[in-house]
Amino acid sequence: MAAMKAHVWVMPKQTVLDPQGQTIQHALASLGFSAVRDVRHGKFFVLELNGLSREDAQKLVERIAKDVLANPVIEDFRFEILD
């Protein structure tokens, strides 16, 4: 089976305050980027996967994202598998 990559995005839930995002937004405003009204700060992961079917890769990446990469209480995640 061919090697694949998975991209995983982890972001704070919309109901959770994002102080890092607020700090970035204020910095952008002070630099003259006043059109930016809100910033959400998150994490991006690239996982290289070997020897898995696409279905098994999806199951594995979802488990990793849910159990390791994201805190399900305050964060949401999404992922995609790339061939």
N, C-alpha and C. Protein backbone atom coordinates (compact mmCIF):
# COMPACT_ATOMS: atom_id res chain seq x y z
N MET A 1 0.84 -1.18 0.00
CA MET A 1 0.00 0.00 0.00
C MET A 1 0.88 1.24 0.00
N ALA A 2 0.45 2.24 -0.70
CA ALA A 2 1.23 3.46 -0.87
C ALA A 2 1.24 4.30 0.40
N ALA A 3 2.27 5.12 0.51
CA ALA A 3 2.34 6.06 1.62
C ALA A 3 1.32 7.16 1.42
N MET A 4 0.78 7.65 2.50
CA MET A 4 -0.21 8.73 2.48
C MET A 4 0.20 9.78 3.49
N LYS A 5 -0.37 10.94 3.36
CA LYS A 5 -0.22 11.99 4.36
C LYS A 5 -1.60 12.35 4.88
N ALA A 6 -1.63 12.76 6.13
CA ALA A 6 -2.86 13.27 6.72
C ALA A 6 -2.59 14.68 7.22
N HIS A 7 -3.48 15.59 6.93
CA HIS A 7 -3.43 16.94 7.46
C HIS A 7 -4.50 17.04 8.54
N VAL A 8 -4.10 17.53 9.71
CA VAL A 8 -5.03 17.65 10.84
C VAL A 8 -5.00 19.09 11.33
N TRP A 9 -6.19 19.69 11.40
CA TRP A 9 -6.34 21.05 11.94
C TRP A 9 -7.05 20.95 13.28
N VAL A 10 -6.50 21.63 14.30
CA VAL A 10 -7.10 21.66 15.62
C VAL A 10 -7.32 23.14 15.97
N MET A 11 -8.56 23.47 16.30
CA MET A 11 -8.93 24.86 16.58
C MET A 11 -9.73 24.93 17.88
N PRO A 12 -9.62 26.05 18.59
CA PRO A 12 -10.50 26.22 19.76
C PRO A 12 -11.96 26.23 19.32
N LYS A 13 -12.81 25.66 20.13
CA LYS A 13 -14.24 25.70 19.84
C LYS A 13 -14.68 27.17 19.80
N GLN A 14 -15.72 27.45 19.02
CA GLN A 14 -16.20 28.83 18.88
C GLN A 14 -16.64 29.43 20.21
N THR A 15 -17.08 28.58 21.14
CA THR A 15 -17.55 29.07 22.44
C THR A 15 -16.41 29.29 23.44
N VAL A 16 -15.18 28.97 23.05
CA VAL A 16 -14.02 29.10 23.93
C VAL A 16 -13.26 30.37 23.57
N LEU A 17 -12.89 31.15 24.59
CA LEU A 17 -12.07 32.33 24.36
C LEU A 17 -10.72 31.92 23.78
N ASP A 18 -10.18 32.76 22.90
CA ASP A 18 -8.90 32.48 22.26
C ASP A 18 -7.96 33.66 22.50
N PRO A 19 -7.29 33.70 23.67
CA PRO A 19 -6.43 34.84 23.98
C PRO A 19 -5.27 35.01 22.99
N GLN A 20 -4.73 33.91 22.47
CA GLN A 20 -3.66 34.02 21.48
C GLN A 20 -4.18 34.66 20.20
N GLY A 21 -5.35 34.25 19.76
CA GLY A 21 -5.96 34.85 18.59
C GLY A 21 -6.24 36.33 18.78
N GLN A 22 -6.71 36.70 19.98
CA GLN A 22 -6.97 38.11 20.29
C GLN A 22 -5.69 38.92 20.26
N THR A 23 -4.61 38.37 20.81
CA THR A 23 -3.31 39.06 20.80
C THR A 23 -2.83 39.28 19.37
N ILE A 24 -2.98 38.26 18.54
CA ILE A 24 -2.57 38.38 17.13
C ILE A 24 -3.42 39.44 16.43
N GLN A 25 -4.73 39.43 16.68
CA GLN A 25 -5.61 40.41 16.05
C GLN A 25 -5.22 41.83 16.46
N HIS A 26 -4.93 42.05 17.74
CA HIS A 26 -4.52 43.38 18.21
C HIS A 26 -3.19 43.79 17.58
N ALA A 27 -2.26 42.85 17.45
CA ALA A 27 -0.98 43.16 16.81
C ALA A 27 -1.18 43.53 15.35
N LEU A 28 -2.04 42.81 14.66
CA LEU A 28 -2.32 43.14 13.26
C LEU A 28 -2.93 44.54 13.14
N ALA A 29 -3.86 44.85 14.03
CA ALA A 29 -4.49 46.18 14.00
C ALA A 29 -3.45 47.27 14.22
N SER A 30 -2.53 47.03 15.17
CA SER A 30 -1.50 48.05 15.44
C SER A 30 -0.52 48.20 14.28
N LEU A 31 -0.44 47.20 13.42
CA LEU A 31 0.43 47.27 12.24
C LEU A 31 -0.31 47.81 11.02
N GLY A 32 -1.56 48.22 11.21
CA GLY A 32 -2.31 48.82 10.13
C GLY A 32 -3.26 47.90 9.40
N PHE A 33 -3.38 46.67 9.86
CA PHE A 33 -4.29 45.71 9.22
C PHE A 33 -5.65 45.74 9.91
N SER A 34 -6.30 46.89 9.84
CA SER A 34 -7.54 47.10 10.58
C SER A 34 -8.73 46.33 10.00
N ALA A 35 -8.60 45.82 8.79
CA ALA A 35 -9.69 45.05 8.18
C ALA A 35 -9.85 43.68 8.84
N VAL A 36 -8.83 43.21 9.54
CA VAL A 36 -8.91 41.91 10.22
C VAL A 36 -9.66 42.12 11.53
N ARG A 37 -10.84 41.55 11.64
CA ARG A 37 -11.71 41.75 12.79
C ARG A 37 -11.58 40.65 13.85
N ASP A 38 -11.14 39.47 13.44
CA ASP A 38 -11.04 38.37 14.40
C ASP A 38 -9.99 37.39 13.91
N VAL A 39 -9.27 36.81 14.85
CA VAL A 39 -8.27 35.78 14.55
C VAL A 39 -8.49 34.62 15.50
N ARG A 40 -8.51 33.43 14.97
CA ARG A 40 -8.54 32.22 15.79
C ARG A 40 -7.22 31.51 15.58
N HIS A 41 -6.54 31.20 16.66
CA HIS A 41 -5.23 30.57 16.62
C HIS A 41 -5.40 29.07 16.82
N GLY A 42 -4.80 28.28 15.97
CA GLY A 42 -4.92 26.82 16.10
C GLY A 42 -3.61 26.12 15.82
N LYS A 43 -3.71 24.82 15.61
CA LYS A 43 -2.54 23.97 15.35
C LYS A 43 -2.78 23.20 14.05
N PHE A 44 -1.70 22.94 13.34
CA PHE A 44 -1.76 22.19 12.09
C PHE A 44 -0.70 21.09 12.16
N PHE A 45 -1.10 19.85 11.85
CA PHE A 45 -0.20 18.70 11.90
C PHE A 45 -0.19 18.00 10.55
N VAL A 46 0.96 17.51 10.15
CA VAL A 46 1.09 16.66 8.96
C VAL A 46 1.61 15.31 9.45
N LEU A 47 0.83 14.27 9.21
CA LEU A 47 1.21 12.91 9.61
C LEU A 47 1.52 12.11 8.35
N GLU A 48 2.64 11.43 8.33
CA GLU A 48 2.97 10.54 7.22
C GLU A 48 2.60 9.13 7.64
N LEU A 49 1.84 8.47 6.79
CA LEU A 49 1.30 7.15 7.11
C LEU A 49 1.80 6.14 6.09
N ASN A 50 2.15 4.96 6.55
CA ASN A 50 2.62 3.90 5.66
C ASN A 50 1.84 2.62 5.90
N GLY A 51 1.56 1.90 4.82
CA GLY A 51 1.02 0.56 4.92
C GLY A 51 -0.42 0.46 5.38
N LEU A 52 -1.21 1.49 5.16
CA LEU A 52 -2.61 1.46 5.59
C LEU A 52 -3.54 1.65 4.40
N SER A 53 -4.68 1.03 4.47
CA SER A 53 -5.72 1.34 3.49
C SER A 53 -6.27 2.73 3.82
N ARG A 54 -6.96 3.32 2.88
CA ARG A 54 -7.54 4.65 3.13
C ARG A 54 -8.50 4.61 4.32
N GLU A 55 -9.32 3.57 4.39
CA GLU A 55 -10.28 3.43 5.50
C GLU A 55 -9.56 3.31 6.84
N ASP A 56 -8.51 2.48 6.89
CA ASP A 56 -7.75 2.33 8.14
C ASP A 56 -7.02 3.62 8.50
N ALA A 57 -6.52 4.34 7.49
CA ALA A 57 -5.85 5.61 7.74
C ALA A 57 -6.82 6.61 8.35
N GLN A 58 -8.05 6.67 7.82
CA GLN A 58 -9.04 7.60 8.37
C GLN A 58 -9.37 7.26 9.82
N LYS A 59 -9.53 5.98 10.11
CA LYS A 59 -9.82 5.57 11.49
C LYS A 59 -8.67 5.91 12.43
N LEU A 60 -7.43 5.66 11.97
CA LEU A 60 -6.26 5.93 12.81
C LEU A 60 -6.10 7.42 13.06
N VAL A 61 -6.20 8.22 12.02
CA VAL A 61 -6.01 9.66 12.17
C VAL A 61 -7.10 10.26 13.06
N GLU A 62 -8.34 9.80 12.91
CA GLU A 62 -9.40 10.31 13.77
C GLU A 62 -9.11 9.97 15.24
N ARG A 63 -8.64 8.77 15.48
CA ARG A 63 -8.32 8.36 16.86
C ARG A 63 -7.17 9.19 17.42
N ILE A 64 -6.12 9.39 16.61
CA ILE A 64 -4.97 10.20 17.05
C ILE A 64 -5.42 11.62 17.34
N ALA A 65 -6.20 12.20 16.45
CA ALA A 65 -6.65 13.59 16.64
C ALA A 65 -7.50 13.71 17.90
N LYS A 66 -8.40 12.76 18.09
CA LYS A 66 -9.32 12.81 19.23
C LYS A 66 -8.60 12.54 20.55
N ASP A 67 -7.69 11.56 20.55
CA ASP A 67 -7.06 11.13 21.81
C ASP A 67 -5.76 11.84 22.14
N VAL A 68 -5.07 12.39 21.15
CA VAL A 68 -3.73 12.94 21.39
C VAL A 68 -3.60 14.41 21.01
N LEU A 69 -4.03 14.77 19.81
CA LEU A 69 -3.74 16.10 19.28
C LEU A 69 -4.70 17.19 19.78
N ALA A 70 -5.94 16.83 20.04
CA ALA A 70 -6.94 17.82 20.45
C ALA A 70 -7.45 17.53 21.85
N ASN A 71 -7.80 18.59 22.54
CA ASN A 71 -8.50 18.47 23.82
C ASN A 71 -9.98 18.62 23.50
N PRO A 72 -10.75 17.53 23.52
CA PRO A 72 -12.14 17.59 23.07
C PRO A 72 -13.04 18.51 23.90
N VAL A 73 -12.61 18.90 25.06
CA VAL A 73 -13.41 19.80 25.89
C VAL A 73 -13.40 21.21 25.31
N ILE A 74 -12.26 21.64 24.78
CA ILE A 74 -12.14 23.03 24.32
C ILE A 74 -11.76 23.17 22.85
N GLU A 75 -11.48 22.04 22.16
CA GLU A 75 -11.02 22.13 20.78
C GLU A 75 -11.82 21.21 19.86
N ASP A 76 -11.94 21.64 18.62
CA ASP A 76 -12.50 20.83 17.54
C ASP A 76 -11.36 20.48 16.60
N PHE A 77 -11.55 19.43 15.82
CA PHE A 77 -10.53 19.08 14.82
C PHE A 77 -11.21 18.66 13.54
N ARG A 78 -10.45 18.74 12.49
CA ARG A 78 -10.85 18.17 11.20
C ARG A 78 -9.59 17.67 10.55
N PHE A 79 -9.75 16.72 9.62
CA PHE A 79 -8.58 16.17 8.96
C PHE A 79 -8.92 15.76 7.54
N GLU A 80 -7.88 15.59 6.75
CA GLU A 80 -8.04 15.04 5.41
C GLU A 80 -6.87 14.10 5.14
N ILE A 81 -7.15 13.06 4.39
CA ILE A 81 -6.14 12.10 3.99
C ILE A 81 -5.76 12.42 2.54
N LEU A 82 -4.47 12.54 2.30
CA LEU A 82 -3.96 12.83 0.96
C LEU A 82 -3.25 11.61 0.42
N ASP A 83 -3.53 11.25 -0.82
CA ASP A 83 -2.85 10.11 -1.44
C ASP A 83 -1.49 10.51 -1.94
